[in-house]
PDB file of N, CA and C in Angstrom:
ATOM      1  N   UNK A   1      15.049   5.058   2.048  1.00  0.00           N
ATOM      2  CA  UNK A   1      14.750   4.235   0.877  1.00  0.00           C
ATOM      3  C   UNK A   1      13.462   4.750   0.222  1.00  0.00           C
ATOM      4  N   UNK A   2      13.494   4.959  -1.066  1.00  0.00           N
ATOM      5  CA  UNK A   2      12.340   5.468  -1.791  1.00  0.00           C
ATOM      6  C   UNK A   2      11.743   4.340  -2.622  1.00  0.00           C
ATOM      7  N   UNK A   3      10.642   3.771  -2.145  1.00  0.00           N
ATOM      8  CA  UNK A   3       9.994   2.655  -2.831  1.00  0.00           C
ATOM      9  C   UNK A   3       8.918   3.214  -3.744  1.00  0.00           C
ATOM     10  N   UNK A   4       8.865   2.710  -4.967  1.00  0.00           N
ATOM     11  CA  UNK A   4       7.817   3.101  -5.911  1.00  0.00           C
ATOM     12  C   UNK A   4       6.766   1.996  -5.908  1.00  0.00           C
ATOM     13  N   UNK A   5       5.534   2.369  -5.652  1.00  0.00           N
ATOM     14  CA  UNK A   5       4.449   1.397  -5.609  1.00  0.00           C
ATOM     15  C   UNK A   5       3.692   1.395  -6.928  1.00  0.00           C
ATOM     16  N   UNK A   6       3.073   0.249  -7.234  1.00  0.00           N
ATOM     17  CA  UNK A   6       2.291   0.101  -8.460  1.00  0.00           C
ATOM     18  C   UNK A   6       0.903  -0.413  -8.106  1.00  0.00           C
ATOM     19  N   UNK A   7      -0.072  -0.112  -8.959  1.00  0.00           N
ATOM     20  CA  UNK A   7      -1.427  -0.623  -8.753  1.00  0.00           C
ATOM     21  C   UNK A   7      -1.400  -2.144  -8.689  1.00  0.00           C
ATOM     22  N   UNK A   8      -2.224  -2.698  -7.834  1.00  0.00           N
ATOM     23  CA  UNK A   8      -2.381  -4.145  -7.604  1.00  0.00           C
ATOM     24  C   UNK A   8      -1.218  -4.757  -6.821  1.00  0.00           C
ATOM     25  N   UNK A   9      -0.275  -3.939  -6.372  1.00  0.00           N
ATOM     26  CA  UNK A   9       0.856  -4.435  -5.591  1.00  0.00           C
ATOM     27  C   UNK A   9       0.414  -4.707  -4.153  1.00  0.00           C
ATOM     28  N   UNK A  10       0.911  -5.816  -3.582  1.00  0.00           N
ATOM     29  CA  UNK A  10       0.659  -6.112  -2.179  1.00  0.00           C
ATOM     30  C   UNK A  10       1.566  -5.250  -1.317  1.00  0.00           C
ATOM     31  N   UNK A  11       0.982  -4.635  -0.280  1.00  0.00           N
ATOM     32  CA  UNK A  11       1.751  -3.795   0.629  1.00  0.00           C
ATOM     33  C   UNK A  11       1.336  -4.077   2.072  1.00  0.00           C
ATOM     34  N   UNK A  12       2.200  -3.662   2.985  1.00  0.00           N
ATOM     35  CA  UNK A  12       1.896  -3.725   4.411  1.00  0.00           C
ATOM     36  C   UNK A  12       1.700  -2.296   4.884  1.00  0.00           C
ATOM     37  N   UNK A  13       0.538  -2.034   5.490  1.00  0.00           N
ATOM     38  CA  UNK A  13       0.195  -0.699   5.989  1.00  0.00           C
ATOM     39  C   UNK A  13       0.226  -0.724   7.521  1.00  0.00           C
ATOM     40  N   UNK A  14       0.105   0.433   8.158  1.00  0.00           N
ATOM     41  CA  UNK A  14      -0.010   0.453   9.623  1.00  0.00           C
ATOM     42  C   UNK A  14      -1.265  -0.287  10.115  1.00  0.00           C
ATOM     43  N   UNK A  15      -2.240  -0.497   9.217  1.00  0.00           N
ATOM     44  CA  UNK A  15      -3.487  -1.171   9.568  1.00  0.00           C
ATOM     45  C   UNK A  15      -3.568  -2.597   9.056  1.00  0.00           C
ATOM     46  N   UNK A  16      -2.468  -3.143   8.549  1.00  0.00           N
ATOM     47  CA  UNK A  16      -2.459  -4.517   8.038  1.00  0.00           C
ATOM     48  C   UNK A  16      -2.112  -4.565   6.557  1.00  0.00           C
ATOM     49  N   UNK A  17      -2.262  -5.763   5.985  1.00  0.00           N
ATOM     50  CA  UNK A  17      -1.906  -5.964   4.580  1.00  0.00           C
ATOM     51  C   UNK A  17      -3.027  -5.498   3.664  1.00  0.00           C
ATOM     52  N   UNK A  18      -2.630  -5.113   2.439  1.00  0.00           N
ATOM     53  CA  UNK A  18      -3.613  -4.676   1.466  1.00  0.00           C
ATOM     54  C   UNK A  18      -3.030  -4.641   0.066  1.00  0.00           C
ATOM     55  N   UNK A  19      -3.858  -4.157  -0.860  1.00  0.00           N
ATOM     56  CA  UNK A  19      -3.496  -4.062  -2.275  1.00  0.00           C
ATOM     57  C   UNK A  19      -3.615  -2.594  -2.703  1.00  0.00           C
ATOM     58  N   UNK A  20      -2.597  -2.106  -3.427  1.00  0.00           N
ATOM     59  CA  UNK A  20      -2.620  -0.726  -3.916  1.00  0.00           C
ATOM     60  C   UNK A  20      -3.744  -0.571  -4.940  1.00  0.00           C
ATOM     61  N   UNK A  21      -4.593   0.417  -4.709  1.00  0.00           N
ATOM     62  CA  UNK A  21      -5.701   0.719  -5.613  1.00  0.00           C
ATOM     63  C   UNK A  21      -5.376   1.906  -6.516  1.00  0.00           C
ATOM     64  N   UNK A  22      -4.688   2.924  -5.961  1.00  0.00           N
ATOM     65  CA  UNK A  22      -4.421   4.144  -6.728  1.00  0.00           C
ATOM     66  C   UNK A  22      -3.214   4.852  -6.114  1.00  0.00           C
ATOM     67  N   UNK A  23      -2.531   5.645  -6.927  1.00  0.00           N
ATOM     68  CA  UNK A  23      -1.349   6.381  -6.493  1.00  0.00           C
ATOM     69  C   UNK A  23      -1.453   7.802  -7.042  1.00  0.00           C
ATOM     70  N   UNK A  24      -1.243   8.775  -6.168  1.00  0.00           N
ATOM     71  CA  UNK A  24      -1.216  10.166  -6.589  1.00  0.00           C
ATOM     72  C   UNK A  24      -0.057  10.835  -5.860  1.00  0.00           C
ATOM     73  N   UNK A  25       1.052  10.983  -6.550  1.00  0.00           N
ATOM     74  CA  UNK A  25       2.256  11.535  -5.939  1.00  0.00           C
ATOM     75  C   UNK A  25       2.742  10.609  -4.836  1.00  0.00           C
ATOM     76  N   UNK A  26       2.858  11.154  -3.624  1.00  0.00           N
ATOM     77  CA  UNK A  26       3.302  10.369  -2.473  1.00  0.00           C
ATOM     78  C   UNK A  26       2.134   9.749  -1.716  1.00  0.00           C
ATOM     79  N   UNK A  27       0.899   9.951  -2.192  1.00  0.00           N
ATOM     80  CA  UNK A  27      -0.294   9.406  -1.541  1.00  0.00           C
ATOM     81  C   UNK A  27      -0.701   8.118  -2.249  1.00  0.00           C
ATOM     82  N   UNK A  28      -0.890   7.067  -1.460  1.00  0.00           N
ATOM     83  CA  UNK A  28      -1.209   5.752  -2.010  1.00  0.00           C
ATOM     84  C   UNK A  28      -2.520   5.269  -1.378  1.00  0.00           C
ATOM     85  N   UNK A  29      -3.505   4.939  -2.206  1.00  0.00           N
ATOM     86  CA  UNK A  29      -4.773   4.411  -1.726  1.00  0.00           C
ATOM     87  C   UNK A  29      -4.701   2.891  -1.744  1.00  0.00           C
ATOM     88  N   UNK A  30      -5.047   2.283  -0.597  1.00  0.00           N
ATOM     89  CA  UNK A  30      -4.901   0.846  -0.411  1.00  0.00           C
ATOM     90  C   UNK A  30      -6.230   0.247   0.018  1.00  0.00           C
ATOM     91  N   UNK A  31      -6.576  -0.901  -0.588  1.00  0.00           N
ATOM     92  CA  UNK A  31      -7.738  -1.678  -0.134  1.00  0.00           C
ATOM     93  C   UNK A  31      -7.211  -2.738   0.820  1.00  0.00           C
ATOM     94  N   UNK A  32      -7.588  -2.610   2.084  1.00  0.00           N
ATOM     95  CA  UNK A  32      -7.135  -3.543   3.104  1.00  0.00           C
ATOM     96  C   UNK A  32      -7.848  -4.878   2.971  1.00  0.00           C
ATOM     97  N   UNK A  33      -7.283  -5.919   3.597  1.00  0.00           N
ATOM     98  CA  UNK A  33      -7.899  -7.246   3.553  1.00  0.00           C
ATOM     99  C   UNK A  33      -9.320  -7.225   4.112  1.00  0.00           C
ATOM    100  N   UNK A  34      -9.598  -6.285   5.011  1.00  0.00           N
ATOM    101  CA  UNK A  34     -10.928  -6.147   5.609  1.00  0.00           C
ATOM    102  C   UNK A  34     -11.942  -5.575   4.623  1.00  0.00           C
ATOM    103  N   UNK A  35     -11.445  -5.054   3.487  1.00  0.00           N
ATOM    104  CA  UNK A  35     -12.309  -4.422   2.503  1.00  0.00           C
ATOM    105  C   UNK A  35     -12.328  -2.910   2.624  1.00  0.00           C
ATOM    106  N   UNK A  36     -11.804  -2.395   3.736  1.00  0.00           N
ATOM    107  CA  UNK A  36     -11.737  -0.957   3.960  1.00  0.00           C
ATOM    108  C   UNK A  36     -10.709  -0.330   3.016  1.00  0.00           C
ATOM    109  N   UNK A  37     -10.995   0.881   2.538  1.00  0.00           N
ATOM    110  CA  UNK A  37     -10.068   1.595   1.661  1.00  0.00           C
ATOM    111  C   UNK A  37      -9.522   2.787   2.425  1.00  0.00           C
ATOM    112  N   UNK A  38      -8.187   2.879   2.475  1.00  0.00           N
ATOM    113  CA  UNK A  38      -7.522   3.969   3.195  1.00  0.00           C
ATOM    114  C   UNK A  38      -6.423   4.551   2.325  1.00  0.00           C
ATOM    115  N   UNK A  39      -6.083   5.810   2.594  1.00  0.00           N
ATOM    116  CA  UNK A  39      -4.998   6.481   1.873  1.00  0.00           C
ATOM    117  C   UNK A  39      -3.854   6.751   2.846  1.00  0.00           C
ATOM    118  N   UNK A  40      -2.640   6.455   2.396  1.00  0.00           N
ATOM    119  CA  UNK A  40      -1.436   6.592   3.217  1.00  0.00           C
ATOM    120  C   UNK A  40      -0.386   7.392   2.467  1.00  0.00           C
ATOM    121  N   UNK A  41       0.543   7.964   3.215  1.00  0.00           N
ATOM    122  CA  UNK A  41       1.759   8.494   2.608  1.00  0.00           C
ATOM    123  C   UNK A  41       2.605   7.293   2.216  1.00  0.00           C
ATOM    124  N   UNK A  42       3.323   7.391   1.112  1.00  0.00           N
ATOM    125  CA  UNK A  42       4.124   6.269   0.623  1.00  0.00           C
ATOM    126  C   UNK A  42       5.125   5.789   1.676  1.00  0.00           C
ATOM    127  N   UNK A  43       5.651   6.709   2.490  1.00  0.00           N
ATOM    128  CA  UNK A  43       6.642   6.291   3.492  1.00  0.00           C
ATOM    129  C   UNK A  43       6.047   5.504   4.653  1.00  0.00           C
ATOM    130  N   UNK A  44       4.709   5.401   4.715  1.00  0.00           N
ATOM    131  CA  UNK A  44       4.047   4.594   5.742  1.00  0.00           C
ATOM    132  C   UNK A  44       3.895   3.132   5.313  1.00  0.00           C
ATOM    133  N   UNK A  45       4.166   2.836   4.044  1.00  0.00           N
ATOM    134  CA  UNK A  45       3.925   1.510   3.483  1.00  0.00           C
ATOM    135  C   UNK A  45       5.211   0.740   3.268  1.00  0.00           C
ATOM    136  N   UNK A  46       5.083  -0.585   3.304  1.00  0.00           N
ATOM    137  CA  UNK A  46       6.201  -1.468   2.989  1.00  0.00           C
ATOM    138  C   UNK A  46       5.772  -2.405   1.878  1.00  0.00           C
ATOM    139  N   UNK A  47       6.727  -2.747   1.024  1.00  0.00           N
ATOM    140  CA  UNK A  47       6.497  -3.730  -0.036  1.00  0.00           C
ATOM    141  C   UNK A  47       6.266  -5.090   0.614  1.00  0.00           C
ATOM    142  N   UNK A  48       5.248  -5.807   0.181  1.00  0.00           N
ATOM    143  CA  UNK A  48       4.896  -7.112   0.757  1.00  0.00           C
ATOM    144  C   UNK A  48       5.495  -8.264  -0.043  1.00  0.00           C
ATOM    145  N   UNK A  49       6.434  -7.987  -0.944  1.00  0.00           N
ATOM    146  CA  UNK A  49       7.002  -9.034  -1.806  1.00  0.00           C
ATOM    147  C   UNK A  49       7.661 -10.132  -0.990  1.00  0.00           C
ATOM    148  N   UNK A  50       8.286  -9.792   0.121  1.00  0.00           N
ATOM    149  CA  UNK A  50       8.949 -10.789   0.951  1.00  0.00           C
ATOM    150  C   UNK A  50       7.965 -11.701   1.667  1.00  0.00           C
ATOM    151  N   UNK A  51       6.712 -11.282   1.756  1.00  0.00           N
ATOM    152  CA  UNK A  51       5.692 -12.045   2.458  1.00  0.00           C
ATOM    153  C   UNK A  51       5.029 -13.107   1.594  1.00  0.00           C
ATOM    154  N   UNK A  52       5.341 -13.094   0.312  1.00  0.00           N
ATOM    155  CA  UNK A  52       4.743 -14.107  -0.539  1.00  0.00           C
ATOM    156  C   UNK A  52       4.183 -13.455  -1.732  1.00  0.00           C
TER     157      UNK A  52
END
């Protein structure tokens, strides 16, 4: 499944939930709930729409 992420979208990362800050190709930068900013491959993330 190829999910397209957008800025400000809620996502689930391997490190917890966060908000998409930036996207560059398949690399997605996410601000985690802890305030930490990490970059992931898009295939490491899940859409958080089902979570609320």
